[in-house]
Amino acid sequence: MRRTSAAHGEGTPIAIQINHAGRRANSNVTGAQPVASSIPDPESNETPRELTANEINSIVKAFGLAASRAVDAGFDVVEMSKSKNAL
């Protein structure tokens, strides 16, 4: 809340972007195989594990909860990133 309050104190709206690294995640960093479709990442050449329907539903719910927490924290805009090579 301190950052959002500081921005609002200056009359400035503040935004946040929420994303999931998907195939762009690196198992050397996360300790787990990346998840997405089973198309290899062109940069790391690591092949992600395909998500199950239940995992997809869990990620959708997690995005909703994250957006709700961002609004509760005072963010004026919440952007759900869907960049290429991610999920």
N, C-alpha and C. Protein backbone atom coordinates (compact mmCIF):
# COMPACT_ATOMS: atom_id res chain seq x y z
N MET A 1 0.82 -1.20 0.00
CA MET A 1 0.00 0.00 0.00
C MET A 1 0.86 1.26 0.00
N ARG A 2 2.10 1.18 0.47
CA ARG A 2 2.92 2.38 0.53
C ARG A 2 3.19 2.96 -0.85
N ARG A 3 3.46 2.09 -1.83
CA ARG A 3 3.73 2.60 -3.19
C ARG A 3 2.49 3.18 -3.83
N THR A 4 1.37 2.50 -3.68
CA THR A 4 0.15 3.02 -4.27
C THR A 4 -0.27 4.31 -3.58
N SER A 5 -0.13 4.36 -2.27
CA SER A 5 -0.48 5.58 -1.54
C SER A 5 0.43 6.74 -1.94
N ALA A 6 1.72 6.44 -2.13
CA ALA A 6 2.66 7.49 -2.54
C ALA A 6 2.30 8.03 -3.92
N ALA A 7 1.97 7.15 -4.84
CA ALA A 7 1.58 7.59 -6.18
C ALA A 7 0.30 8.40 -6.12
N HIS A 8 -0.68 7.90 -5.39
CA HIS A 8 -1.95 8.62 -5.28
C HIS A 8 -1.76 9.97 -4.59
N GLY A 9 -0.82 10.04 -3.65
CA GLY A 9 -0.53 11.30 -2.96
C GLY A 9 0.00 12.37 -3.90
N GLU A 10 0.58 11.94 -5.00
CA GLU A 10 1.08 12.87 -6.02
C GLU A 10 0.06 13.07 -7.14
N GLY A 11 -1.14 12.48 -6.97
CA GLY A 11 -2.18 12.62 -7.98
C GLY A 11 -1.98 11.72 -9.20
N THR A 12 -1.20 10.67 -9.03
CA THR A 12 -0.87 9.79 -10.14
C THR A 12 -1.54 8.43 -9.97
N PRO A 13 -2.25 7.96 -10.99
CA PRO A 13 -2.77 6.59 -10.92
C PRO A 13 -1.60 5.61 -11.05
N ILE A 14 -1.79 4.41 -10.58
CA ILE A 14 -0.72 3.41 -10.62
C ILE A 14 -1.28 2.09 -11.13
N ALA A 15 -0.46 1.39 -11.93
CA ALA A 15 -0.88 0.13 -12.55
C ALA A 15 0.09 -0.98 -12.18
N ILE A 16 -0.38 -2.20 -12.35
CA ILE A 16 0.46 -3.38 -12.12
C ILE A 16 0.16 -4.39 -13.22
N GLN A 17 1.18 -5.16 -13.59
CA GLN A 17 1.01 -6.20 -14.59
C GLN A 17 1.21 -7.56 -13.92
N ILE A 18 0.29 -8.47 -14.16
CA ILE A 18 0.36 -9.82 -13.62
C ILE A 18 0.63 -10.76 -14.78
N ASN A 19 1.60 -11.65 -14.61
CA ASN A 19 1.88 -12.60 -15.69
C ASN A 19 2.26 -13.97 -15.14
N HIS A 20 2.37 -14.91 -16.03
CA HIS A 20 2.84 -16.26 -15.72
C HIS A 20 3.91 -16.55 -16.75
N ALA A 21 5.08 -16.96 -16.31
CA ALA A 21 6.19 -17.16 -17.23
C ALA A 21 5.96 -18.30 -18.22
N GLY A 22 5.16 -19.27 -17.86
CA GLY A 22 4.87 -20.37 -18.78
C GLY A 22 6.13 -20.99 -19.33
N ARG A 23 6.21 -21.15 -20.64
CA ARG A 23 7.37 -21.78 -21.28
C ARG A 23 8.63 -20.94 -21.10
N ARG A 24 8.50 -19.67 -20.75
CA ARG A 24 9.67 -18.79 -20.57
C ARG A 24 10.36 -19.03 -19.23
N ALA A 25 9.70 -19.77 -18.32
CA ALA A 25 10.33 -20.10 -17.04
C ALA A 25 11.54 -20.99 -17.31
N ASN A 26 12.51 -20.94 -16.42
CA ASN A 26 13.72 -21.71 -16.59
C ASN A 26 13.85 -22.66 -15.41
N SER A 27 13.96 -23.95 -15.71
CA SER A 27 14.01 -24.94 -14.63
C SER A 27 15.25 -24.77 -13.76
N ASN A 28 16.31 -24.16 -14.28
CA ASN A 28 17.49 -23.90 -13.45
C ASN A 28 17.18 -22.87 -12.37
N VAL A 29 16.20 -22.02 -12.61
CA VAL A 29 15.81 -20.99 -11.64
C VAL A 29 14.69 -21.50 -10.73
N THR A 30 13.67 -22.12 -11.34
CA THR A 30 12.48 -22.52 -10.58
C THR A 30 12.61 -23.89 -9.92
N GLY A 31 13.48 -24.74 -10.44
CA GLY A 31 13.61 -26.09 -9.93
C GLY A 31 12.52 -27.02 -10.42
N ALA A 32 11.71 -26.55 -11.36
CA ALA A 32 10.62 -27.37 -11.91
C ALA A 32 10.56 -27.18 -13.42
N GLN A 33 10.05 -28.19 -14.10
CA GLN A 33 9.88 -28.09 -15.55
C GLN A 33 8.87 -27.00 -15.86
N PRO A 34 9.15 -26.14 -16.84
CA PRO A 34 8.17 -25.12 -17.23
C PRO A 34 6.86 -25.77 -17.68
N VAL A 35 5.78 -25.04 -17.56
CA VAL A 35 4.48 -25.53 -17.99
C VAL A 35 3.88 -24.58 -19.02
N ALA A 36 3.20 -25.12 -19.98
CA ALA A 36 2.52 -24.39 -21.05
C ALA A 36 1.98 -25.44 -22.00
N SER A 37 2.04 -25.16 -23.30
CA SER A 37 1.82 -26.23 -24.27
C SER A 37 3.16 -26.95 -24.38
N SER A 38 3.22 -28.01 -25.13
CA SER A 38 4.47 -28.78 -25.20
C SER A 38 5.40 -28.28 -26.31
N ILE A 39 5.25 -27.05 -26.74
CA ILE A 39 6.13 -26.47 -27.76
C ILE A 39 7.38 -25.95 -27.07
N PRO A 40 8.58 -26.37 -27.50
CA PRO A 40 9.81 -25.92 -26.85
C PRO A 40 9.99 -24.41 -26.91
N ASP A 41 10.63 -23.87 -25.87
CA ASP A 41 10.96 -22.45 -25.87
C ASP A 41 12.11 -22.24 -26.86
N PRO A 42 11.97 -21.28 -27.79
CA PRO A 42 12.99 -21.09 -28.82
C PRO A 42 14.33 -20.59 -28.28
N GLU A 43 14.33 -19.96 -27.11
CA GLU A 43 15.59 -19.44 -26.58
C GLU A 43 16.31 -20.44 -25.68
N SER A 44 15.57 -21.11 -24.80
CA SER A 44 16.23 -22.05 -23.88
C SER A 44 16.25 -23.46 -24.44
N ASN A 45 15.42 -23.72 -25.44
CA ASN A 45 15.26 -25.05 -26.03
C ASN A 45 14.75 -26.06 -25.01
N GLU A 46 14.14 -25.57 -23.94
CA GLU A 46 13.55 -26.42 -22.92
C GLU A 46 12.10 -26.71 -23.30
N THR A 47 11.68 -27.96 -23.22
CA THR A 47 10.31 -28.32 -23.57
C THR A 47 9.44 -28.31 -22.33
N PRO A 48 8.40 -27.45 -22.32
CA PRO A 48 7.53 -27.39 -21.16
C PRO A 48 6.63 -28.62 -21.05
N ARG A 49 6.15 -28.84 -19.86
CA ARG A 49 5.16 -29.88 -19.62
C ARG A 49 3.80 -29.30 -19.93
N GLU A 50 3.01 -30.06 -20.67
CA GLU A 50 1.66 -29.59 -21.01
C GLU A 50 0.79 -29.53 -19.76
N LEU A 51 0.05 -28.44 -19.63
CA LEU A 51 -0.85 -28.26 -18.49
C LEU A 51 -2.08 -29.15 -18.61
N THR A 52 -2.58 -29.61 -17.47
CA THR A 52 -3.85 -30.34 -17.46
C THR A 52 -4.99 -29.32 -17.38
N ALA A 53 -6.19 -29.76 -17.65
CA ALA A 53 -7.36 -28.87 -17.56
C ALA A 53 -7.50 -28.33 -16.13
N ASN A 54 -7.26 -29.17 -15.13
CA ASN A 54 -7.35 -28.70 -13.74
C ASN A 54 -6.29 -27.65 -13.44
N GLU A 55 -5.08 -27.83 -13.96
CA GLU A 55 -4.02 -26.84 -13.73
C GLU A 55 -4.37 -25.51 -14.40
N ILE A 56 -4.94 -25.58 -15.59
CA ILE A 56 -5.35 -24.36 -16.28
C ILE A 56 -6.40 -23.62 -15.45
N ASN A 57 -7.39 -24.36 -14.95
CA ASN A 57 -8.43 -23.75 -14.10
C ASN A 57 -7.82 -23.13 -12.84
N SER A 58 -6.83 -23.79 -12.24
CA SER A 58 -6.17 -23.26 -11.05
C SER A 58 -5.43 -21.96 -11.36
N ILE A 59 -4.78 -21.91 -12.52
CA ILE A 59 -4.05 -20.70 -12.92
C ILE A 59 -5.03 -19.55 -13.17
N VAL A 60 -6.15 -19.84 -13.81
CA VAL A 60 -7.16 -18.81 -14.04
C VAL A 60 -7.64 -18.25 -12.70
N LYS A 61 -7.92 -19.13 -11.74
CA LYS A 61 -8.36 -18.68 -10.41
C LYS A 61 -7.27 -17.88 -9.72
N ALA A 62 -6.02 -18.31 -9.85
CA ALA A 62 -4.90 -17.59 -9.23
C ALA A 62 -4.74 -16.19 -9.81
N PHE A 63 -4.94 -16.05 -11.12
CA PHE A 63 -4.89 -14.73 -11.74
C PHE A 63 -5.99 -13.84 -11.17
N GLY A 64 -7.19 -14.39 -11.00
CA GLY A 64 -8.30 -13.62 -10.43
C GLY A 64 -8.00 -13.18 -9.00
N LEU A 65 -7.44 -14.08 -8.20
CA LEU A 65 -7.08 -13.72 -6.82
C LEU A 65 -5.98 -12.67 -6.78
N ALA A 66 -5.00 -12.81 -7.67
CA ALA A 66 -3.92 -11.82 -7.72
C ALA A 66 -4.46 -10.45 -8.11
N ALA A 67 -5.38 -10.41 -9.07
CA ALA A 67 -5.98 -9.14 -9.48
C ALA A 67 -6.77 -8.53 -8.33
N SER A 68 -7.48 -9.35 -7.60
CA SER A 68 -8.25 -8.86 -6.46
C SER A 68 -7.33 -8.28 -5.38
N ARG A 69 -6.22 -8.96 -5.11
CA ARG A 69 -5.26 -8.44 -4.13
C ARG A 69 -4.65 -7.12 -4.61
N ALA A 70 -4.40 -7.01 -5.91
CA ALA A 70 -3.83 -5.76 -6.45
C ALA A 70 -4.81 -4.60 -6.27
N VAL A 71 -6.09 -4.85 -6.51
CA VAL A 71 -7.11 -3.81 -6.31
C VAL A 71 -7.18 -3.45 -4.82
N ASP A 72 -7.16 -4.47 -3.96
CA ASP A 72 -7.17 -4.22 -2.51
C ASP A 72 -5.96 -3.40 -2.06
N ALA A 73 -4.83 -3.57 -2.78
CA ALA A 73 -3.61 -2.84 -2.44
C ALA A 73 -3.61 -1.41 -2.99
N GLY A 74 -4.66 -1.07 -3.75
CA GLY A 74 -4.79 0.31 -4.21
C GLY A 74 -4.40 0.57 -5.65
N PHE A 75 -4.09 -0.47 -6.42
CA PHE A 75 -3.75 -0.26 -7.83
C PHE A 75 -5.00 0.15 -8.60
N ASP A 76 -4.81 1.11 -9.51
CA ASP A 76 -5.92 1.62 -10.31
C ASP A 76 -6.16 0.79 -11.57
N VAL A 77 -5.10 0.18 -12.07
CA VAL A 77 -5.18 -0.64 -13.29
C VAL A 77 -4.47 -1.95 -13.02
N VAL A 78 -5.09 -3.05 -13.43
CA VAL A 78 -4.47 -4.36 -13.34
C VAL A 78 -4.47 -4.94 -14.75
N GLU A 79 -3.28 -5.20 -15.27
CA GLU A 79 -3.15 -5.77 -16.62
C GLU A 79 -2.74 -7.23 -16.51
N MET A 80 -3.46 -8.08 -17.20
CA MET A 80 -3.12 -9.49 -17.27
C MET A 80 -2.28 -9.69 -18.53
N SER A 81 -1.01 -9.93 -18.36
CA SER A 81 -0.11 -10.08 -19.50
C SER A 81 -0.31 -11.44 -20.15
N LYS A 82 -0.32 -11.45 -21.43
CA LYS A 82 -0.41 -12.70 -22.19
C LYS A 82 0.62 -12.66 -23.33
N SER A 83 1.84 -12.33 -22.96
CA SER A 83 2.87 -12.17 -23.97
C SER A 83 3.19 -13.47 -24.68
N LYS A 84 3.76 -13.35 -25.84
CA LYS A 84 4.10 -14.54 -26.62
C LYS A 84 5.13 -15.38 -25.87
N ASN A 85 5.11 -16.64 -26.11
CA ASN A 85 6.03 -17.60 -25.52
C ASN A 85 5.84 -17.79 -24.02
N ALA A 86 4.78 -17.27 -23.46
CA ALA A 86 4.50 -17.52 -22.05
C ALA A 86 3.46 -18.62 -21.98
N LEU A 87 2.33 -18.37 -21.37
CA LEU A 87 1.27 -19.39 -21.32
C LEU A 87 0.48 -19.43 -22.59
